[in-house]
Amino acid sequence: MATLKIYKDQKLTKQSKDQSLIQSLLKEINIHFENWEISENLDKDSSTDEIASNFKDKIEKVLKENNFSSFDIVNIKPELEGLDELKKKFIPEHTHDDNEVRFFIDGEGLFCINQDEAIYQLLCTKGDYISVPAHTKHWFDMGSKASFKCIRFFENKEGWIAKYTDSKISQQYPLLDEFQNNN
């Protein structure tokens, strides 16, 4: 289940697990969030083809609505070769020229959005769909026990291209492990 924490001046001002409230609060900063139902027959071991087939209509809708050209299904596991280097790419605050859209099939990850003089930390879990608009400052953490499977959508064929802000703000807020320990 998703959890949202909002910080202002590095102080926690709001926390919620209420999906409707989370959706409403994120909508105020133009972040689209919803929960998609996942079929009982899909799990962390489901193949790319099974996932793509199960979400065919939703995938086509997201591709069309965002003018995306492609999608993939990423499966992050603790034993993934090069995982530490991969993690380092996501944690510094950055933006993208296109929307960052993810749908979590399994596992979890922490999206942190820097918007309107506040930090919004959203723990995404199985079934969560998030769309972060282009040029929105954010970072992402997968924690010390990184484990998730998600559908990623892309505007360009090169996939994920970050423009780092050179800010150190991501070092001032909890990352996934600490977020969960204080939940």
Protein backbone atom coordinates (compact mmCIF):
# COMPACT_ATOMS: atom_id res chain seq x y z
CA MET A 1 0.00 0.00 0.00
CA ALA A 2 1.32 3.45 -0.94
CA THR A 3 2.39 5.88 1.76
CA LEU A 4 2.88 9.62 1.30
CA LYS A 5 4.94 11.89 3.54
CA ILE A 6 5.18 15.64 2.96
CA TYR A 7 8.00 17.72 4.39
CA LYS A 8 8.30 21.51 4.60
CA ASP A 9 11.52 23.03 5.91
CA GLN A 10 12.71 19.46 6.59
CA LYS A 11 9.83 18.87 9.02
CA LEU A 12 7.26 16.17 8.41
CA THR A 13 3.94 18.02 8.02
CA LYS A 14 1.64 15.31 6.66
CA GLN A 15 1.58 11.54 6.37
CA SER A 16 -1.09 9.31 4.88
CA LYS A 17 -1.83 5.80 3.63
CA ASP A 18 -5.30 6.86 2.46
CA GLN A 19 -5.16 6.25 -1.30
CA SER A 20 -7.83 8.86 -2.13
CA LEU A 21 -6.07 11.51 -0.05
CA ILE A 22 -2.70 10.63 -1.58
CA GLN A 23 -4.17 10.92 -5.05
CA SER A 24 -5.72 14.30 -4.22
CA LEU A 25 -2.57 15.75 -2.61
CA LEU A 26 -0.40 14.65 -5.52
CA LYS A 27 -2.88 15.99 -8.06
CA GLU A 28 -2.37 19.45 -6.49
CA ILE A 29 1.25 19.33 -7.72
CA ASN A 30 0.39 17.72 -11.08
CA ILE A 31 1.55 14.23 -10.14
CA HIS A 32 -0.81 11.58 -11.46
CA PHE A 33 -1.18 8.63 -9.10
CA GLU A 34 -3.55 5.70 -9.14
CA ASN A 35 -3.70 2.04 -8.29
CA TRP A 36 -4.23 -0.58 -10.98
CA GLU A 37 -5.71 -3.93 -10.10
CA ILE A 38 -3.28 -6.78 -10.61
CA SER A 39 -4.61 -10.15 -11.62
CA GLU A 40 -4.14 -12.98 -9.14
CA ASN A 41 -2.21 -14.91 -11.78
CA LEU A 42 0.56 -12.26 -11.99
CA ASP A 43 3.42 -12.13 -9.52
CA LYS A 44 7.12 -11.28 -9.31
CA ASP A 45 7.93 -14.33 -11.45
CA SER A 46 5.55 -13.47 -14.31
CA SER A 47 7.20 -13.10 -17.69
CA THR A 48 7.41 -9.88 -19.66
CA ASP A 49 4.94 -11.30 -22.19
CA GLU A 50 2.44 -12.25 -19.46
CA ILE A 51 2.62 -8.77 -17.94
CA ALA A 52 2.39 -6.99 -21.29
CA SER A 53 -0.58 -9.13 -22.28
CA ASN A 54 -2.38 -8.59 -18.96
CA PHE A 55 -2.01 -4.78 -19.15
CA LYS A 56 -2.26 -4.42 -22.94
CA ASP A 57 -5.13 -1.90 -22.93
CA LYS A 58 -3.63 0.23 -20.14
CA ILE A 59 -0.19 0.19 -21.77
CA GLU A 60 -1.64 1.30 -25.12
CA LYS A 61 -3.59 4.09 -23.38
CA VAL A 62 -0.51 5.38 -21.52
CA LEU A 63 1.61 5.25 -24.69
CA LYS A 64 -1.00 7.23 -26.64
CA GLU A 65 -1.85 9.79 -23.94
CA ASN A 66 1.82 10.64 -23.32
CA ASN A 67 3.07 10.34 -26.89
CA PHE A 68 5.48 7.65 -25.72
CA SER A 69 7.21 5.46 -28.27
CA SER A 70 8.07 2.49 -26.09
CA PHE A 71 7.89 0.70 -22.77
CA ASP A 72 9.83 -1.99 -21.01
CA ILE A 73 9.49 -4.13 -17.94
CA VAL A 74 12.37 -3.87 -15.54
CA ASN A 75 13.05 -6.50 -12.89
CA ILE A 76 15.37 -5.26 -10.15
CA LYS A 77 16.69 -7.87 -7.72
CA PRO A 78 19.34 -7.61 -4.99
CA GLU A 79 21.67 -9.90 -6.95
CA LEU A 80 21.48 -7.80 -10.17
CA GLU A 81 24.96 -7.13 -11.51
CA GLY A 82 25.82 -3.42 -11.38
CA LEU A 83 22.97 -2.62 -8.99
CA ASP A 84 25.01 -0.27 -6.80
CA GLU A 85 25.99 1.84 -9.81
CA LEU A 86 22.40 1.86 -11.02
CA LYS A 87 21.15 3.09 -7.63
CA LYS A 88 23.61 5.98 -7.75
CA LYS A 89 22.02 7.25 -10.97
CA PHE A 90 18.57 7.62 -9.41
CA ILE A 91 19.30 9.23 -6.04
CA PRO A 92 20.66 12.67 -7.02
CA GLU A 93 17.90 15.18 -7.73
CA HIS A 94 17.19 15.36 -11.45
CA THR A 95 14.59 16.17 -14.10
CA HIS A 96 13.64 14.68 -17.47
CA ASP A 97 12.47 16.27 -20.71
CA ASP A 98 9.58 13.80 -20.80
CA ASN A 99 7.17 12.46 -18.21
CA GLU A 100 8.51 9.71 -15.95
CA VAL A 101 5.82 7.06 -15.79
CA ARG A 102 6.06 3.83 -13.80
CA PHE A 103 3.68 1.04 -12.86
CA PHE A 104 4.76 -1.30 -10.07
CA ILE A 105 3.97 -4.97 -10.72
CA ASP A 106 5.76 -6.05 -7.55
CA GLY A 107 8.07 -4.73 -4.85
CA GLU A 108 8.50 -1.07 -3.94
CA GLY A 109 10.40 2.14 -4.53
CA LEU A 110 10.45 5.65 -3.09
CA PHE A 111 9.74 8.62 -5.35
CA CYS A 112 10.75 11.97 -3.87
CA ILE A 113 9.39 15.10 -5.54
CA ASN A 114 10.67 18.62 -4.87
CA GLN A 115 7.72 20.90 -5.61
CA ASP A 116 6.22 24.11 -4.20
CA GLU A 117 8.84 24.43 -1.45
CA ALA A 118 7.99 20.97 -0.14
CA ILE A 119 9.31 17.45 -0.51
CA TYR A 120 6.70 14.78 -1.30
CA GLN A 121 7.90 11.25 -0.62
CA LEU A 122 5.72 8.54 -2.10
CA LEU A 123 6.36 4.89 -1.32
CA CYS A 124 5.07 3.06 -4.40
CA THR A 125 4.15 -0.60 -4.02
CA LYS A 126 2.48 -3.36 -6.02
CA GLY A 127 -0.30 -1.94 -8.19
CA ASP A 128 0.80 1.72 -7.97
CA TYR A 129 0.97 3.85 -11.09
CA ILE A 130 2.77 7.21 -10.99
CA SER A 131 3.35 9.85 -13.65
CA VAL A 132 5.83 12.61 -12.82
CA PRO A 133 5.59 15.48 -15.34
CA ALA A 134 8.56 16.54 -17.45
CA HIS A 135 10.93 19.03 -15.79
CA THR A 136 9.78 18.11 -12.25
CA LYS A 137 12.66 17.90 -9.77
CA HIS A 138 12.73 14.46 -8.16
CA TRP A 139 14.82 11.47 -7.13
CA PHE A 140 14.15 7.78 -6.61
CA ASP A 141 15.47 5.23 -4.13
CA MET A 142 15.10 1.47 -4.24
CA GLY A 143 16.61 0.81 -0.79
CA SER A 144 19.36 -1.50 0.39
CA LYS A 145 17.32 -4.61 -0.51
CA ALA A 146 16.27 -3.39 -3.96
CA SER A 147 13.49 -5.56 -5.29
CA PHE A 148 10.79 -4.46 -7.69
CA LYS A 149 9.32 -5.15 -11.08
CA CYS A 150 7.70 -2.32 -13.00
CA ILE A 151 6.60 -1.15 -16.40
CA ARG A 152 8.52 1.93 -17.55
CA PHE A 153 7.31 4.14 -20.38
CA PHE A 154 9.58 6.21 -22.65
CA GLU A 155 9.23 9.05 -25.13
CA ASN A 156 12.58 8.43 -26.77
CA LYS A 157 14.21 5.17 -27.69
CA GLU A 158 17.26 5.90 -25.51
CA GLY A 159 15.01 5.53 -22.47
CA TRP A 160 15.79 7.20 -19.17
CA ILE A 161 17.82 10.41 -19.59
CA ALA A 162 18.40 12.46 -16.44
CA LYS A 163 19.36 16.11 -16.17
CA TYR A 164 20.96 16.43 -12.75
CA THR A 165 20.31 19.63 -10.79
CA ASP A 166 23.60 19.46 -8.81
CA SER A 167 21.52 20.02 -5.66
CA LYS A 168 22.37 17.98 -2.55
CA ILE A 169 18.75 18.04 -1.36
CA SER A 170 18.27 14.29 -1.73
CA GLN A 171 20.88 13.83 1.02
CA GLN A 172 18.74 15.86 3.45
CA TYR A 173 15.70 13.56 3.48
CA PRO A 174 15.11 9.92 4.40
CA LEU A 175 15.70 7.34 1.72
CA LEU A 176 13.68 4.14 1.45
CA ASP A 177 15.16 2.18 4.37
CA GLU A 178 14.82 5.07 6.84
CA PHE A 179 11.39 5.99 5.42
CA GLN A 180 10.14 2.47 6.20
CA ASN A 181 11.74 2.38 9.66
CA ASN A 182 9.93 5.60 10.61
CA ASN A 183 6.59 4.50 9.19
